[in-house]
């Protein structure tokens, strides 16, 4: 849809997700052929992990 509307290919640079391997694998299979992807963890997940780690 993006290509047909804009006439350009989509270049994904950043992906916000949690650290699940399945999500990262899906992105790499679908997008990283043409672009270099940087994974950014969602702030909510970062905060939850910090709280869990601090309460150990």
PDB file of N, CA and C in Angstrom:
ATOM      1  N   UNK A   1       0.832  -1.181   0.000  1.00  0.00           N
ATOM      2  CA  UNK A   1       0.000   0.000   0.000  1.00  0.00           C
ATOM      3  C   UNK A   1       0.881   1.252   0.000  1.00  0.00           C
ATOM      4  N   UNK A   2       1.928   1.265   0.839  1.00  0.00           N
ATOM      5  CA  UNK A   2       2.803   2.436   0.920  1.00  0.00           C
ATOM      6  C   UNK A   2       3.428   2.743  -0.433  1.00  0.00           C
ATOM      7  N   UNK A   3       3.924   1.712  -1.119  1.00  0.00           N
ATOM      8  CA  UNK A   3       4.579   1.914  -2.420  1.00  0.00           C
ATOM      9  C   UNK A   3       3.579   2.426  -3.448  1.00  0.00           C
ATOM     10  N   UNK A   4       2.375   1.866  -3.454  1.00  0.00           N
ATOM     11  CA  UNK A   4       1.392   2.296  -4.450  1.00  0.00           C
ATOM     12  C   UNK A   4       0.918   3.730  -4.214  1.00  0.00           C
ATOM     13  N   UNK A   5       0.870   4.172  -2.972  1.00  0.00           N
ATOM     14  CA  UNK A   5       0.423   5.531  -2.670  1.00  0.00           C
ATOM     15  C   UNK A   5       1.543   6.547  -2.869  1.00  0.00           C
ATOM     16  N   UNK A   6       2.742   6.239  -2.341  1.00  0.00           N
ATOM     17  CA  UNK A   6       3.831   7.218  -2.360  1.00  0.00           C
ATOM     18  C   UNK A   6       4.782   7.071  -3.536  1.00  0.00           C
ATOM     19  N   UNK A   7       4.826   5.880  -4.141  1.00  0.00           N
ATOM     20  CA  UNK A   7       5.769   5.635  -5.221  1.00  0.00           C
ATOM     21  C   UNK A   7       7.184   5.357  -4.732  1.00  0.00           C
ATOM     22  N   UNK A   8       7.360   5.246  -3.420  1.00  0.00           N
ATOM     23  CA  UNK A   8       8.677   4.970  -2.832  1.00  0.00           C
ATOM     24  C   UNK A   8       8.598   3.708  -1.981  1.00  0.00           C
ATOM     25  N   UNK A   9       9.749   3.081  -1.763  1.00  0.00           N
ATOM     26  CA  UNK A   9       9.807   1.925  -0.879  1.00  0.00           C
ATOM     27  C   UNK A   9       9.969   2.394   0.559  1.00  0.00           C
ATOM     28  N   UNK A  10       9.353   1.658   1.479  1.00  0.00           N
ATOM     29  CA  UNK A  10       9.422   2.010   2.887  1.00  0.00           C
ATOM     30  C   UNK A  10      10.766   1.568   3.464  1.00  0.00           C
ATOM     31  N   UNK A  11      11.426   2.445   4.186  1.00  0.00           N
ATOM     32  CA  UNK A  11      12.687   2.131   4.849  1.00  0.00           C
ATOM     33  C   UNK A  11      12.466   2.197   6.356  1.00  0.00           C
ATOM     34  N   UNK A  12      12.447   1.039   6.987  1.00  0.00           N
ATOM     35  CA  UNK A  12      12.263   0.958   8.432  1.00  0.00           C
ATOM     36  C   UNK A  12      13.620   1.131   9.097  1.00  0.00           C
ATOM     37  N   UNK A  13      13.740   2.077  10.015  1.00  0.00           N
ATOM     38  CA  UNK A  13      15.005   2.306  10.714  1.00  0.00           C
ATOM     39  C   UNK A  13      14.932   1.893  12.177  1.00  0.00           C
ATOM     40  N   UNK A  14      13.791   2.096  12.817  1.00  0.00           N
ATOM     41  CA  UNK A  14      13.635   1.779  14.230  1.00  0.00           C
ATOM     42  C   UNK A  14      12.394   0.925  14.434  1.00  0.00           C
ATOM     43  N   UNK A  15      12.511  -0.065  15.301  1.00  0.00           N
ATOM     44  CA  UNK A  15      11.391  -0.923  15.667  1.00  0.00           C
ATOM     45  C   UNK A  15      11.244  -0.856  17.182  1.00  0.00           C
ATOM     46  N   UNK A  16      10.042  -0.510  17.662  1.00  0.00           N
ATOM     47  CA  UNK A  16       9.791  -0.522  19.097  1.00  0.00           C
ATOM     48  C   UNK A  16       9.017  -1.790  19.419  1.00  0.00           C
ATOM     49  N   UNK A  17       9.611  -2.626  20.254  1.00  0.00           N
ATOM     50  CA  UNK A  17       8.992  -3.898  20.616  1.00  0.00           C
ATOM     51  C   UNK A  17       9.587  -4.382  21.919  1.00  0.00           C
ATOM     52  N   UNK A  18       9.025  -5.473  22.431  1.00  0.00           N
ATOM     53  CA  UNK A  18       9.668  -6.092  23.577  1.00  0.00           C
ATOM     54  C   UNK A  18      10.740  -7.049  23.054  1.00  0.00           C
ATOM     55  N   UNK A  19      11.380  -7.767  23.926  1.00  0.00           N
ATOM     56  CA  UNK A  19      12.561  -8.551  23.546  1.00  0.00           C
ATOM     57  C   UNK A  19      12.229  -9.977  23.104  1.00  0.00           C
ATOM     58  N   UNK A  20      11.048 -10.210  22.563  1.00  0.00           N
ATOM     59  CA  UNK A  20      10.683 -11.549  22.117  1.00  0.00           C
ATOM     60  C   UNK A  20      11.410 -11.889  20.824  1.00  0.00           C
ATOM     61  N   UNK A  21      11.984 -13.073  20.794  1.00  0.00           N
ATOM     62  CA  UNK A  21      12.738 -13.519  19.622  1.00  0.00           C
ATOM     63  C   UNK A  21      11.840 -13.645  18.396  1.00  0.00           C
ATOM     64  N   UNK A  22      10.584 -14.042  18.586  1.00  0.00           N
ATOM     65  CA  UNK A  22       9.672 -14.209  17.452  1.00  0.00           C
ATOM     66  C   UNK A  22       9.418 -12.883  16.741  1.00  0.00           C
ATOM     67  N   UNK A  23       9.256 -11.809  17.503  1.00  0.00           N
ATOM     68  CA  UNK A  23       9.040 -10.498  16.890  1.00  0.00           C
ATOM     69  C   UNK A  23      10.273 -10.047  16.124  1.00  0.00           C
ATOM     70  N   UNK A  24      11.435 -10.212  16.724  1.00  0.00           N
ATOM     71  CA  UNK A  24      12.670  -9.804  16.061  1.00  0.00           C
ATOM     72  C   UNK A  24      12.897 -10.620  14.797  1.00  0.00           C
ATOM     73  N   UNK A  25      12.610 -11.912  14.852  1.00  0.00           N
ATOM     74  CA  UNK A  25      12.767 -12.768  13.686  1.00  0.00           C
ATOM     75  C   UNK A  25      11.820 -12.344  12.567  1.00  0.00           C
ATOM     76  N   UNK A  26      10.579 -12.034  12.911  1.00  0.00           N
ATOM     77  CA  UNK A  26       9.611 -11.608  11.896  1.00  0.00           C
ATOM     78  C   UNK A  26      10.050 -10.319  11.218  1.00  0.00           C
ATOM     79  N   UNK A  27      10.555  -9.378  11.982  1.00  0.00           N
ATOM     80  CA  UNK A  27      11.021  -8.108  11.409  1.00  0.00           C
ATOM     81  C   UNK A  27      12.217  -8.352  10.503  1.00  0.00           C
ATOM     82  N   UNK A  28      13.165  -9.165  10.963  1.00  0.00           N
ATOM     83  CA  UNK A  28      14.345  -9.449  10.147  1.00  0.00           C
ATOM     84  C   UNK A  28      13.966 -10.153   8.851  1.00  0.00           C
ATOM     85  N   UNK A  29      13.026 -11.078   8.910  1.00  0.00           N
ATOM     86  CA  UNK A  29      12.592 -11.798   7.712  1.00  0.00           C
ATOM     87  C   UNK A  29      11.872 -10.862   6.742  1.00  0.00           C
ATOM     88  N   UNK A  30      11.101  -9.907   7.286  1.00  0.00           N
ATOM     89  CA  UNK A  30      10.281  -9.068   6.432  1.00  0.00           C
ATOM     90  C   UNK A  30      10.908  -7.774   5.968  1.00  0.00           C
ATOM     91  N   UNK A  31      11.756  -7.154   6.787  1.00  0.00           N
ATOM     92  CA  UNK A  31      12.225  -5.814   6.474  1.00  0.00           C
ATOM     93  C   UNK A  31      13.723  -5.657   6.320  1.00  0.00           C
ATOM     94  N   UNK A  32      14.522  -6.424   7.026  1.00  0.00           N
ATOM     95  CA  UNK A  32      15.948  -6.110   7.080  1.00  0.00           C
ATOM     96  C   UNK A  32      16.725  -6.492   5.826  1.00  0.00           C
ATOM     97  N   UNK A  33      16.057  -6.994   4.810  1.00  0.00           N
ATOM     98  CA  UNK A  33      16.740  -7.268   3.549  1.00  0.00           C
ATOM     99  C   UNK A  33      17.218  -5.961   2.932  1.00  0.00           C
ATOM    100  N   UNK A  34      16.383  -4.936   2.994  1.00  0.00           N
ATOM    101  CA  UNK A  34      16.691  -3.655   2.363  1.00  0.00           C
ATOM    102  C   UNK A  34      17.163  -2.577   3.329  1.00  0.00           C
ATOM    103  N   UNK A  35      17.053  -2.809   4.633  1.00  0.00           N
ATOM    104  CA  UNK A  35      17.393  -1.745   5.564  1.00  0.00           C
ATOM    105  C   UNK A  35      17.988  -2.305   6.856  1.00  0.00           C
ATOM    106  N   UNK A  36      18.722  -1.444   7.528  1.00  0.00           N
ATOM    107  CA  UNK A  36      19.322  -1.800   8.811  1.00  0.00           C
ATOM    108  C   UNK A  36      18.373  -1.354   9.914  1.00  0.00           C
ATOM    109  N   UNK A  37      17.974  -2.286  10.773  1.00  0.00           N
ATOM    110  CA  UNK A  37      16.956  -2.023  11.781  1.00  0.00           C
ATOM    111  C   UNK A  37      17.593  -1.916  13.162  1.00  0.00           C
ATOM    112  N   UNK A  38      17.172  -0.904  13.939  1.00  0.00           N
ATOM    113  CA  UNK A  38      17.602  -0.733  15.321  1.00  0.00           C
ATOM    114  C   UNK A  38      16.399  -1.036  16.209  1.00  0.00           C
ATOM    115  N   UNK A  39      16.572  -1.962  17.152  1.00  0.00           N
ATOM    116  CA  UNK A  39      15.491  -2.322  18.064  1.00  0.00           C
ATOM    117  C   UNK A  39      15.510  -1.398  19.274  1.00  0.00           C
ATOM    118  N   UNK A  40      14.356  -0.816  19.582  1.00  0.00           N
ATOM    119  CA  UNK A  40      14.197   0.057  20.734  1.00  0.00           C
ATOM    120  C   UNK A  40      13.133  -0.578  21.619  1.00  0.00           C
ATOM    121  N   UNK A  41      13.468  -0.803  22.885  1.00  0.00           N
ATOM    122  CA  UNK A  41      12.500  -1.410  23.785  1.00  0.00           C
ATOM    123  C   UNK A  41      11.498  -0.355  24.254  1.00  0.00           C
ATOM    124  N   UNK A  42      10.243  -0.737  24.289  1.00  0.00           N
ATOM    125  CA  UNK A  42       9.162   0.128  24.746  1.00  0.00           C
ATOM    126  C   UNK A  42       9.451   0.614  26.168  1.00  0.00           C
ATOM    127  N   UNK A  43       9.201   1.890  26.453  1.00  0.00           N
ATOM    128  CA  UNK A  43       9.478   2.461  27.772  1.00  0.00           C
ATOM    129  C   UNK A  43       8.736   1.712  28.867  1.00  0.00           C
ATOM    130  N   UNK A  44       7.521   1.272  28.593  1.00  0.00           N
ATOM    131  CA  UNK A  44       6.748   0.514  29.570  1.00  0.00           C
ATOM    132  C   UNK A  44       7.469  -0.783  29.934  1.00  0.00           C
ATOM    133  N   UNK A  45       8.024  -1.478  28.940  1.00  0.00           N
ATOM    134  CA  UNK A  45       8.750  -2.716  29.211  1.00  0.00           C
ATOM    135  C   UNK A  45      10.065  -2.440  29.944  1.00  0.00           C
ATOM    136  N   UNK A  46      10.736  -1.360  29.599  1.00  0.00           N
ATOM    137  CA  UNK A  46      11.971  -0.995  30.303  1.00  0.00           C
ATOM    138  C   UNK A  46      11.665  -0.736  31.772  1.00  0.00           C
ATOM    139  N   UNK A  47      10.627   0.042  32.046  1.00  0.00           N
ATOM    140  CA  UNK A  47      10.249   0.362  33.415  1.00  0.00           C
ATOM    141  C   UNK A  47       9.842  -0.892  34.181  1.00  0.00           C
ATOM    142  N   UNK A  48       9.060  -1.760  33.571  1.00  0.00           N
ATOM    143  CA  UNK A  48       8.644  -3.005  34.226  1.00  0.00           C
ATOM    144  C   UNK A  48       9.846  -3.883  34.547  1.00  0.00           C
ATOM    145  N   UNK A  49      10.802  -3.962  33.632  1.00  0.00           N
ATOM    146  CA  UNK A  49      12.003  -4.762  33.880  1.00  0.00           C
ATOM    147  C   UNK A  49      12.859  -4.153  34.980  1.00  0.00           C
ATOM    148  N   UNK A  50      12.956  -2.830  35.038  1.00  0.00           N
ATOM    149  CA  UNK A  50      13.708  -2.180  36.112  1.00  0.00           C
ATOM    150  C   UNK A  50      13.075  -2.445  37.474  1.00  0.00           C
ATOM    151  N   UNK A  51      11.763  -2.353  37.546  1.00  0.00           N
ATOM    152  CA  UNK A  51      11.061  -2.612  38.804  1.00  0.00           C
ATOM    153  C   UNK A  51      11.240  -4.067  39.222  1.00  0.00           C
ATOM    154  N   UNK A  52      11.117  -4.989  38.279  1.00  0.00           N
ATOM    155  CA  UNK A  52      11.298  -6.413  38.589  1.00  0.00           C
ATOM    156  C   UNK A  52      12.720  -6.688  39.052  1.00  0.00           C
ATOM    157  N   UNK A  53      13.698  -6.078  38.399  1.00  0.00           N
ATOM    158  CA  UNK A  53      15.101  -6.294  38.764  1.00  0.00           C
ATOM    159  C   UNK A  53      15.409  -5.679  40.127  1.00  0.00           C
ATOM    160  N   UNK A  54      14.852  -4.511  40.409  1.00  0.00           N
ATOM    161  CA  UNK A  54      15.115  -3.823  41.673  1.00  0.00           C
ATOM    162  C   UNK A  54      14.480  -4.537  42.861  1.00  0.00           C
ATOM    163  N   UNK A  55      13.405  -5.264  42.628  1.00  0.00           N
ATOM    164  CA  UNK A  55      12.722  -5.946  43.731  1.00  0.00           C
ATOM    165  C   UNK A  55      13.298  -7.326  44.018  1.00  0.00           C
ATOM    166  N   UNK A  56      14.351  -7.719  43.318  1.00  0.00           N
ATOM    167  CA  UNK A  56      14.971  -9.039  43.546  1.00  0.00           C
ATOM    168  C   UNK A  56      15.749  -9.049  44.826  1.00  0.00           C
TER     169      UNK A  56
END
